Amino acid sequence: MGDLGQMVRLPKFDIRDDAAVAHAVHKSNVVINLIGADIDTWNWKLEEVHQDIPSRIANICAASGNVERFIHFSAAGASPDATSRRLRSKAVGEELVRSIIPTATILRPGPLVGDEDRFTRRLARMVRMHGPTMPLVEGGTQLVAPTFVGDVAEATLKALNHAGAKGETYDLVGPQVYEMRQILEVVCGILREPFEYVHRFRSDPRTKVMAAVQSRLSQVAPIPFYNAWYTEDLLNEVDTDLVASPTAGSYDDLRHVPRHIEDGLILDQIRHMRKGGYGEGSLKTPPPEEEAYSGPLGFAKTRYPGLNNGSTLDTW
């Protein structure tokens, strides 16, 4: 919460408390709901996070009389018929929000890439943990269209400034569709690790046991030391491609050109996870797109494909 650069603290805020939510939005003319979850935890179930909370916020915003624009974040692939509870609960949340605030704008981003993201960084941790025994369920054939978090932020602002976005749904997915194994190959290249994995079938008893254990840990452990990509629900999700829906709007409709994730966007997010440090890795030779040189102050720098039309972007 903020105005003119000032952050407004919300003491003792409880999203389950209607009065606390009402106090949080009572002076707001724009409300954006970014609350979401990948898995059940010991405090929250997916249905509460994706259905109860959005409907509570929407009801309070509708009753306030002050909220002119309501933006609700869902996820690419959300559908009542999805194979995972996460995506089914997201779809139900969209319907609830739209029934309460018909003019709500719903944004459904693909897997996000950016600082501290839970997509490429999670893959990088798994590569470092498992090495050549990295398990890839169903051979990594699930299709995904990752998108840069900066593009989602810019598209959100454009949606707010576009009256035609009221009551619309937009799938904010990247311009390139990959199989999961292709994403793994990109991550391995950045980490300078061999591109190796073990094809793991969901029907394999070992996969089922591992998923059951991880699911149980996510519900009882107060800290996330479990592997969220191997819970039972997210294993079910590999049947759903996280790409654009033909019935939803897109970046184009918001007059925004999204960037490719390989255009230098994920190098800095996970390069520090190389074995031995930034300049190391199991495969010592840097890929050709990385050109090391010395910066103006003598610091080691790396030049790699930039964000605009193949230009270069420098980073320390």
Protein backbone atom coordinates (compact mmCIF):
# COMPACT_ATOMS: atom_id res chain seq x y z
CA MET A 1 0.00 0.00 0.00
CA GLY A 2 1.43 3.39 -0.83
CA ASP A 3 0.96 6.90 -2.15
CA LEU A 4 3.57 9.27 -3.54
CA GLY A 5 6.41 6.94 -2.62
CA GLN A 6 5.18 6.29 0.90
CA MET A 7 4.52 2.76 2.11
CA VAL A 8 1.54 2.28 4.38
CA ARG A 9 2.10 -0.45 6.94
CA LEU A 10 -0.81 -2.69 7.84
CA PRO A 11 -0.29 -3.75 11.46
CA LYS A 12 -1.72 -7.13 12.43
CA PHE A 13 -3.08 -7.70 8.94
CA ASP A 14 -4.96 -10.98 8.56
CA ILE A 15 -6.28 -11.93 5.13
CA ARG A 16 -8.91 -14.11 6.83
CA ASP A 17 -10.29 -11.05 8.70
CA ASP A 18 -12.88 -9.09 6.71
CA ALA A 19 -12.32 -5.96 8.81
CA ALA A 20 -8.56 -6.07 8.19
CA VAL A 21 -9.07 -6.44 4.43
CA ALA A 22 -11.64 -3.61 4.41
CA HIS A 23 -9.20 -1.36 6.25
CA ALA A 24 -6.45 -2.22 3.77
CA VAL A 25 -8.48 -1.18 0.71
CA HIS A 26 -10.72 1.55 2.10
CA LYS A 27 -8.73 4.39 0.48
CA SER A 28 -7.78 2.54 -2.69
CA ASN A 29 -9.25 3.11 -6.14
CA VAL A 30 -7.16 0.28 -7.65
CA VAL A 31 -6.73 -3.15 -6.06
CA ILE A 32 -4.50 -5.89 -7.47
CA ASN A 33 -4.71 -9.40 -6.01
CA LEU A 34 -1.39 -11.24 -6.39
CA ILE A 35 -2.00 -13.88 -3.73
CA GLY A 36 -1.38 -17.43 -4.92
CA ALA A 37 0.22 -20.74 -4.02
CA ASP A 38 1.78 -23.73 -5.77
CA ILE A 39 1.02 -26.34 -3.13
CA ASP A 40 -0.83 -26.96 0.12
CA THR A 41 1.06 -25.82 3.20
CA TRP A 42 0.50 -26.34 6.90
CA ASN A 43 -1.48 -23.06 7.05
CA TRP A 44 -3.13 -22.82 3.67
CA LYS A 45 -4.95 -25.08 1.23
CA LEU A 46 -5.05 -24.28 -2.47
CA GLU A 47 -8.81 -23.80 -2.47
CA GLU A 48 -8.66 -21.20 0.29
CA VAL A 49 -5.84 -19.29 -1.37
CA HIS A 50 -7.30 -19.31 -4.88
CA GLN A 51 -11.04 -19.22 -4.15
CA ASP A 52 -11.91 -17.97 -0.67
CA ILE A 53 -9.35 -15.15 -0.51
CA PRO A 54 -10.07 -13.66 -3.97
CA SER A 55 -13.83 -13.75 -3.39
CA ARG A 56 -13.38 -12.11 0.03
CA ILE A 57 -11.26 -9.31 -1.42
CA ALA A 58 -13.62 -8.84 -4.37
CA ASN A 59 -16.71 -8.68 -2.15
CA ILE A 60 -15.12 -6.08 0.10
CA CYS A 61 -13.90 -4.02 -2.86
CA ALA A 62 -17.36 -4.12 -4.45
CA ALA A 63 -18.95 -3.00 -1.19
CA SER A 64 -16.46 -0.17 -0.60
CA GLY A 65 -17.68 1.95 -3.49
CA ASN A 66 -14.17 3.37 -3.95
CA VAL A 67 -12.50 0.68 -6.06
CA GLU A 68 -12.63 1.61 -9.74
CA ARG A 69 -10.34 -1.13 -11.07
CA PHE A 70 -9.79 -4.64 -9.76
CA ILE A 71 -7.07 -6.83 -11.24
CA HIS A 72 -6.89 -10.49 -10.30
CA PHE A 73 -3.86 -12.65 -11.06
CA SER A 74 -4.52 -16.27 -11.98
CA ALA A 75 -2.24 -18.57 -14.00
CA ALA A 76 -1.81 -19.83 -17.55
CA GLY A 77 -3.48 -23.22 -17.92
CA ALA A 78 -6.20 -22.49 -15.37
CA SER A 79 -9.30 -24.48 -16.29
CA PRO A 80 -12.17 -26.25 -14.52
CA ASP A 81 -11.06 -29.39 -16.38
CA ALA A 82 -7.35 -29.14 -15.52
CA THR A 83 -5.65 -32.23 -14.14
CA SER A 84 -4.23 -30.42 -11.10
CA ARG A 85 -6.02 -28.89 -8.10
CA ARG A 86 -3.86 -25.79 -8.41
CA LEU A 87 -5.16 -24.95 -11.87
CA ARG A 88 -8.72 -26.03 -11.13
CA SER A 89 -8.85 -23.86 -8.01
CA LYS A 90 -7.40 -20.95 -10.00
CA ALA A 91 -10.18 -21.31 -12.56
CA VAL A 92 -12.88 -21.36 -9.88
CA GLY A 93 -11.31 -18.24 -8.34
CA GLU A 94 -11.56 -16.45 -11.69
CA GLU A 95 -15.26 -17.30 -11.95
CA LEU A 96 -15.95 -16.11 -8.39
CA VAL A 97 -14.16 -12.80 -8.93
CA ARG A 98 -15.92 -12.17 -12.24
CA SER A 99 -19.33 -12.95 -10.67
CA ILE A 100 -18.71 -10.36 -7.94
CA ILE A 101 -16.96 -7.70 -10.04
CA PRO A 102 -17.90 -8.15 -13.72
CA THR A 103 -15.43 -5.43 -14.75
CA ALA A 104 -12.47 -7.18 -13.10
CA THR A 105 -9.43 -7.72 -15.31
CA ILE A 106 -7.93 -11.20 -15.01
CA LEU A 107 -4.25 -11.70 -15.86
CA ARG A 108 -2.91 -15.25 -16.32
CA PRO A 109 0.89 -15.21 -16.60
CA GLY A 110 2.96 -18.19 -17.66
CA PRO A 111 5.84 -19.40 -15.48
CA LEU A 112 7.69 -16.28 -14.35
CA VAL A 113 11.37 -15.63 -14.93
CA GLY A 114 13.14 -12.92 -12.93
CA ASP A 115 14.99 -12.19 -9.71
CA GLU A 116 14.39 -14.96 -7.17
CA ASP A 117 11.92 -16.70 -9.46
CA ARG A 118 10.57 -20.13 -8.53
CA PHE A 119 10.93 -21.51 -12.04
CA THR A 120 14.52 -21.40 -13.31
CA ARG A 121 16.01 -21.21 -9.80
CA ARG A 122 14.11 -24.30 -8.70
CA LEU A 123 15.36 -26.17 -11.76
CA ALA A 124 18.90 -24.95 -11.07
CA ARG A 125 18.77 -26.22 -7.49
CA MET A 126 17.56 -29.59 -8.70
CA VAL A 127 20.36 -29.80 -11.27
CA ARG A 128 22.92 -29.04 -8.57
CA MET A 129 21.29 -31.53 -6.20
CA HIS A 130 20.78 -34.46 -8.57
CA GLY A 131 23.37 -33.95 -11.32
CA PRO A 132 23.06 -36.65 -14.01
CA THR A 133 20.31 -38.38 -12.02
CA MET A 134 18.01 -35.35 -12.34
CA PRO A 135 14.48 -36.84 -12.56
CA LEU A 136 12.31 -35.46 -15.38
CA VAL A 137 8.73 -36.67 -15.23
CA GLU A 138 7.34 -38.02 -18.52
CA GLY A 139 10.56 -36.96 -20.24
CA GLY A 140 9.83 -33.24 -19.87
CA THR A 141 7.33 -33.09 -22.74
CA GLN A 142 5.01 -30.60 -21.01
CA LEU A 143 4.82 -27.34 -22.99
CA VAL A 144 5.49 -24.07 -21.17
CA ALA A 145 5.74 -20.45 -22.30
CA PRO A 146 7.76 -18.67 -19.59
CA THR A 147 7.56 -14.89 -19.42
CA PHE A 148 9.75 -12.18 -17.95
CA VAL A 149 8.34 -10.66 -14.76
CA GLY A 150 9.15 -7.17 -16.06
CA ASP A 151 6.86 -7.74 -19.03
CA VAL A 152 4.03 -8.80 -16.73
CA ALA A 153 4.51 -5.66 -14.64
CA GLU A 154 4.45 -3.42 -17.71
CA ALA A 155 1.39 -5.20 -19.12
CA THR A 156 -0.39 -4.73 -15.79
CA LEU A 157 0.13 -0.97 -15.96
CA LYS A 158 -1.08 -0.92 -19.55
CA ALA A 159 -4.19 -2.88 -18.55
CA LEU A 160 -4.90 -0.30 -15.85
CA ASN A 161 -4.63 2.52 -18.37
CA HIS A 162 -6.77 0.75 -20.96
CA ALA A 163 -10.50 1.08 -20.36
CA GLY A 164 -11.10 -1.74 -22.83
CA ALA A 165 -9.37 -4.17 -20.44
CA LYS A 166 -12.31 -4.05 -18.04
CA GLY A 167 -14.00 -7.43 -17.86
CA GLU A 168 -11.31 -9.07 -20.01
CA THR A 169 -8.93 -11.98 -19.44
CA TYR A 170 -5.36 -11.95 -20.74
CA ASP A 171 -2.86 -14.80 -20.97
CA LEU A 172 0.54 -13.18 -20.40
CA VAL A 173 2.85 -15.87 -21.74
CA GLY A 174 6.23 -15.57 -23.40
CA PRO A 175 6.67 -15.47 -27.19
CA GLN A 176 8.46 -18.83 -27.29
CA VAL A 177 6.94 -22.21 -26.34
CA TYR A 178 9.36 -24.80 -24.93
CA GLU A 179 9.21 -28.33 -23.72
CA MET A 180 10.32 -28.61 -20.11
CA ARG A 181 13.40 -30.57 -21.16
CA GLN A 182 14.39 -27.63 -23.38
CA ILE A 183 14.17 -25.30 -20.39
CA LEU A 184 16.32 -27.76 -18.47
CA GLU A 185 18.86 -27.68 -21.29
CA VAL A 186 19.01 -23.85 -21.12
CA VAL A 187 19.47 -23.98 -17.34
CA CYS A 188 22.21 -26.62 -17.62
CA GLY A 189 23.99 -24.46 -20.19
CA ILE A 190 23.97 -21.44 -17.89
CA LEU A 191 25.18 -23.54 -14.94
CA ARG A 192 27.82 -25.14 -17.21
CA GLU A 193 26.59 -28.57 -16.22
CA PRO A 194 26.07 -31.58 -18.52
CA PHE A 195 22.56 -31.82 -19.94
CA GLU A 196 21.58 -35.15 -18.41
CA TYR A 197 18.42 -36.44 -16.77
CA VAL A 198 16.55 -39.61 -15.89
CA HIS A 199 13.22 -40.20 -17.64
CA ARG A 200 10.78 -40.84 -14.80
CA PHE A 201 7.25 -42.09 -15.48
CA ARG A 202 4.43 -41.03 -13.18
CA SER A 203 3.27 -44.64 -13.05
CA ASP A 204 6.63 -45.65 -11.59
CA PRO A 205 6.07 -46.66 -7.92
CA ARG A 206 9.19 -44.72 -6.94
CA THR A 207 7.73 -41.54 -8.42
CA LYS A 208 4.44 -42.07 -6.60
CA VAL A 209 6.15 -42.68 -3.26
CA MET A 210 8.37 -39.62 -3.65
CA ALA A 211 5.36 -37.45 -4.57
CA ALA A 212 3.34 -38.70 -1.60
CA VAL A 213 6.20 -37.98 0.80
CA GLN A 214 6.79 -34.47 -0.62
CA SER A 215 3.06 -33.69 -0.50
CA ARG A 216 2.85 -34.72 3.12
CA LEU A 217 5.93 -32.69 4.04
CA SER A 218 4.46 -29.59 2.40
CA GLN A 219 1.41 -29.86 4.68
CA VAL A 220 3.20 -30.43 7.97
CA ALA A 221 6.61 -28.72 7.62
CA PRO A 222 6.90 -25.10 8.77
CA ILE A 223 9.83 -24.49 6.39
CA PRO A 224 9.92 -25.36 2.66
CA PHE A 225 12.70 -27.96 2.64
CA TYR A 226 10.54 -30.27 0.52
CA ASN A 227 10.69 -30.33 -3.30
CA ALA A 228 7.55 -28.54 -4.48
CA TRP A 229 7.93 -29.82 -8.04
CA TYR A 230 7.41 -33.39 -6.94
CA THR A 231 4.18 -33.12 -4.99
CA GLU A 232 1.26 -35.25 -6.16
CA ASP A 233 -0.69 -32.30 -7.52
CA LEU A 234 2.15 -30.86 -9.57
CA LEU A 235 2.90 -34.27 -11.02
CA ASN A 236 -0.70 -34.31 -12.23
CA GLU A 237 -0.10 -30.89 -13.76
CA VAL A 238 2.34 -32.21 -16.36
CA ASP A 239 -0.71 -33.12 -18.46
CA THR A 240 -1.60 -29.42 -18.80
CA ASP A 241 0.43 -27.19 -21.09
CA LEU A 242 1.13 -23.77 -19.56
CA VAL A 243 0.62 -21.82 -22.77
CA ALA A 244 -1.83 -19.27 -24.16
CA SER A 245 -5.52 -20.10 -24.44
CA PRO A 246 -7.12 -19.32 -27.82
CA THR A 247 -10.06 -17.66 -26.07
CA ALA A 248 -8.08 -15.17 -23.95
CA GLY A 249 -6.39 -11.91 -24.81
CA SER A 250 -2.62 -11.57 -24.98
CA TYR A 251 0.28 -9.14 -24.72
CA ASP A 252 -0.59 -8.00 -28.25
CA ASP A 253 -4.01 -6.81 -27.11
CA LEU A 254 -2.28 -4.65 -24.50
CA ARG A 255 0.18 -3.37 -27.13
CA HIS A 256 3.16 -4.86 -25.40
CA VAL A 257 6.00 -6.85 -26.96
CA PRO A 258 7.28 -9.51 -24.51
CA ARG A 259 10.93 -10.51 -24.46
CA HIS A 260 12.38 -13.97 -25.01
CA ILE A 261 13.68 -15.54 -21.81
CA GLU A 262 16.93 -16.51 -23.51
CA ASP A 263 17.76 -12.89 -24.32
CA GLY A 264 19.97 -12.57 -21.26
CA LEU A 265 17.06 -12.67 -18.83
CA ILE A 266 17.89 -15.79 -16.85
CA LEU A 267 21.70 -15.69 -16.84
CA ASP A 268 22.05 -13.43 -13.82
CA GLN A 269 19.23 -15.15 -11.91
CA ILE A 270 21.07 -18.47 -11.62
CA ARG A 271 24.68 -17.90 -12.69
CA HIS A 272 25.77 -17.60 -9.06
CA MET A 273 24.56 -21.18 -8.56
CA ARG A 274 27.38 -22.58 -10.70
CA LYS A 275 29.50 -25.13 -8.90
CA GLY A 276 32.55 -23.21 -7.65
CA GLY A 277 31.23 -19.71 -8.35
CA TYR A 278 30.34 -17.33 -11.20
CA GLY A 279 33.23 -18.23 -13.45
CA GLU A 280 33.23 -21.95 -12.74
CA GLY A 281 30.93 -24.90 -13.30
CA SER A 282 31.57 -28.54 -14.15
CA LEU A 283 32.06 -27.59 -17.80
CA LYS A 284 34.68 -24.86 -17.50
CA THR A 285 34.40 -23.55 -21.05
CA PRO A 286 31.86 -20.71 -21.27
CA PRO A 287 29.27 -20.95 -24.02
CA PRO A 288 29.94 -18.74 -27.07
CA GLU A 289 27.28 -16.19 -26.18
CA GLU A 290 29.18 -15.27 -23.01
CA GLU A 291 32.14 -13.02 -23.65
CA ALA A 292 34.14 -12.14 -20.56
CA TYR A 293 36.01 -8.85 -20.41
CA SER A 294 37.11 -6.22 -17.91
CA GLY A 295 34.82 -3.40 -16.89
CA PRO A 296 35.81 0.27 -16.55
CA LEU A 297 36.73 -0.19 -12.89
CA GLY A 298 38.60 -3.43 -13.46
CA PHE A 299 35.71 -5.65 -12.36
CA ALA A 300 35.12 -8.83 -14.31
CA LYS A 301 32.09 -8.40 -16.56
CA THR A 302 30.12 -10.57 -18.93
CA ARG A 303 28.54 -9.47 -22.18
CA TYR A 304 25.59 -11.52 -23.40
CA PRO A 305 22.63 -11.02 -25.75
CA GLY A 306 20.60 -8.09 -24.52
CA LEU A 307 16.96 -7.26 -24.22
CA ASN A 308 16.45 -5.25 -27.42
CA ASN A 309 17.06 -6.55 -30.92
CA GLY A 310 20.22 -8.45 -30.18
CA SER A 311 22.05 -5.55 -28.55
CA THR A 312 24.38 -6.28 -25.67
CA LEU A 313 23.70 -5.84 -22.00
CA ASP A 314 26.54 -5.51 -19.52
CA THR A 315 26.47 -6.86 -16.00
CA TRP A 316 28.97 -7.02 -13.16
